[in-house]
């Protein structure tokens, strides 16, 4: 019968420290990008722009922008957690793609608002 050691660091197939740390940093960056997109979307909506995402356009009047952002980030976190259970590279790819797309949305929102970097 196979038994695991008491110390979790000795368990087989555990990711290394640097891999875990870099995934955590990517996750934090993704959350910051989501918050940035939410911030500039709010400024755009206050200036009269329309939300282009049909799901968010439907959710904003029902939940509000803040709760919609929370639900979106929670769903992305949950899917990323499932990805981690199967494969760390899959989680890197998923959260990296979301971070890149949200960064692009921040850039696009700032450009539409006429804000410079």
Protein backbone atom coordinates (compact mmCIF):
# COMPACT_ATOMS: atom_id res chain seq x y z
CA UNK A 1 0.00 0.00 0.00
CA UNK A 2 1.33 3.43 -0.99
CA UNK A 3 1.18 6.12 1.70
CA UNK A 4 2.12 9.77 1.37
CA UNK A 5 4.72 11.30 3.69
CA UNK A 6 3.53 13.70 6.38
CA UNK A 7 5.33 16.65 4.80
CA UNK A 8 3.44 17.84 1.65
CA UNK A 9 6.71 19.08 0.14
CA UNK A 10 7.76 15.45 -0.20
CA UNK A 11 4.63 14.37 -2.09
CA UNK A 12 5.25 13.17 -5.65
CA UNK A 13 4.37 15.28 -8.69
CA UNK A 14 4.30 18.58 -6.85
CA UNK A 15 5.16 21.70 -8.87
CA UNK A 16 8.34 23.50 -7.99
CA UNK A 17 8.56 26.72 -6.01
CA UNK A 18 9.39 28.95 -8.98
CA UNK A 19 6.66 27.46 -11.15
CA UNK A 20 4.10 28.04 -8.39
CA UNK A 21 5.37 31.56 -7.72
CA UNK A 22 5.31 32.54 -11.39
CA UNK A 23 1.74 31.20 -11.74
CA UNK A 24 0.72 33.23 -8.69
CA UNK A 25 2.31 36.39 -10.14
CA UNK A 26 0.52 35.77 -13.44
CA UNK A 27 -2.76 35.30 -11.56
CA UNK A 28 -2.31 38.58 -9.64
CA UNK A 29 -1.46 40.39 -12.89
CA UNK A 30 -4.59 38.93 -14.50
CA UNK A 31 -6.73 40.21 -11.60
CA UNK A 32 -5.17 43.67 -11.90
CA UNK A 33 -5.90 43.66 -15.65
CA UNK A 34 -9.53 42.67 -14.98
CA UNK A 35 -9.85 45.51 -12.46
CA UNK A 36 -8.28 47.93 -14.94
CA UNK A 37 -10.75 46.88 -17.62
CA UNK A 38 -13.62 47.34 -15.15
CA UNK A 39 -12.35 50.79 -14.14
CA UNK A 40 -12.03 52.12 -17.67
CA UNK A 41 -15.30 50.49 -18.72
CA UNK A 42 -16.98 52.36 -15.86
CA UNK A 43 -15.47 55.65 -17.01
CA UNK A 44 -16.62 54.94 -20.56
CA UNK A 45 -20.15 54.09 -19.45
CA UNK A 46 -20.30 57.30 -17.41
CA UNK A 47 -19.33 59.25 -20.55
CA UNK A 48 -22.10 57.63 -22.57
CA UNK A 49 -20.31 54.74 -24.27
CA UNK A 50 -22.12 51.42 -24.66
CA UNK A 51 -20.80 48.07 -23.37
CA UNK A 52 -19.87 45.91 -26.35
CA UNK A 53 -19.78 42.55 -24.56
CA UNK A 54 -23.34 41.17 -24.83
CA UNK A 55 -23.06 39.13 -21.63
CA UNK A 56 -21.88 42.11 -19.60
CA UNK A 57 -24.43 44.35 -21.31
CA UNK A 58 -27.13 41.97 -20.08
CA UNK A 59 -25.63 41.59 -16.57
CA UNK A 60 -24.86 45.26 -15.80
CA UNK A 61 -28.51 46.36 -15.31
CA UNK A 62 -29.31 43.22 -13.30
CA UNK A 63 -26.24 42.89 -11.04
CA UNK A 64 -24.39 46.16 -11.41
CA UNK A 65 -20.89 46.63 -12.74
CA UNK A 66 -19.02 45.72 -9.53
CA UNK A 67 -20.85 42.44 -8.94
CA UNK A 68 -20.54 41.55 -12.63
CA UNK A 69 -16.77 42.08 -12.38
CA UNK A 70 -16.65 39.90 -9.27
CA UNK A 71 -18.67 37.10 -10.89
CA UNK A 72 -16.47 37.25 -14.00
CA UNK A 73 -13.24 37.12 -11.95
CA UNK A 74 -14.61 34.31 -9.75
CA UNK A 75 -15.59 32.24 -12.80
CA UNK A 76 -12.16 32.77 -14.39
CA UNK A 77 -10.49 31.81 -11.10
CA UNK A 78 -12.61 28.67 -10.80
CA UNK A 79 -11.84 27.54 -14.35
CA UNK A 80 -8.15 28.28 -13.77
CA UNK A 81 -8.24 26.22 -10.57
CA UNK A 82 -9.68 23.29 -12.49
CA UNK A 83 -6.92 23.75 -15.09
CA UNK A 84 -4.29 23.61 -12.32
CA UNK A 85 -5.70 20.28 -11.15
CA UNK A 86 -4.98 18.81 -14.58
CA UNK A 87 -1.91 20.64 -15.81
CA UNK A 88 0.16 23.63 -14.72
CA UNK A 89 1.04 24.58 -18.34
CA UNK A 90 -2.69 24.60 -19.14
CA UNK A 91 -3.28 27.02 -16.25
CA UNK A 92 -0.40 29.22 -17.45
CA UNK A 93 -1.91 29.28 -20.93
CA UNK A 94 -5.45 29.99 -19.73
CA UNK A 95 -4.62 32.75 -17.24
CA UNK A 96 -1.97 34.16 -19.60
CA UNK A 97 -4.54 34.39 -22.40
CA UNK A 98 -7.08 36.07 -20.11
CA UNK A 99 -4.40 38.49 -18.85
CA UNK A 100 -3.37 39.37 -22.41
CA UNK A 101 -6.97 39.91 -23.53
CA UNK A 102 -7.82 42.05 -20.51
CA UNK A 103 -4.62 44.09 -21.02
CA UNK A 104 -5.68 44.67 -24.62
CA UNK A 105 -9.12 45.79 -23.39
CA UNK A 106 -7.51 48.29 -20.99
CA UNK A 107 -5.40 49.64 -23.84
CA UNK A 108 -8.41 49.86 -26.16
CA UNK A 109 -10.60 51.51 -23.51
CA UNK A 110 -7.96 54.14 -22.75
CA UNK A 111 -7.55 54.82 -26.45
CA UNK A 112 -11.31 55.26 -26.94
CA UNK A 113 -11.48 57.58 -23.94
CA UNK A 114 -8.69 59.71 -25.39
CA UNK A 115 -6.33 59.04 -22.50
CA UNK A 116 -2.61 58.85 -23.18
CA UNK A 117 -0.02 56.64 -21.55
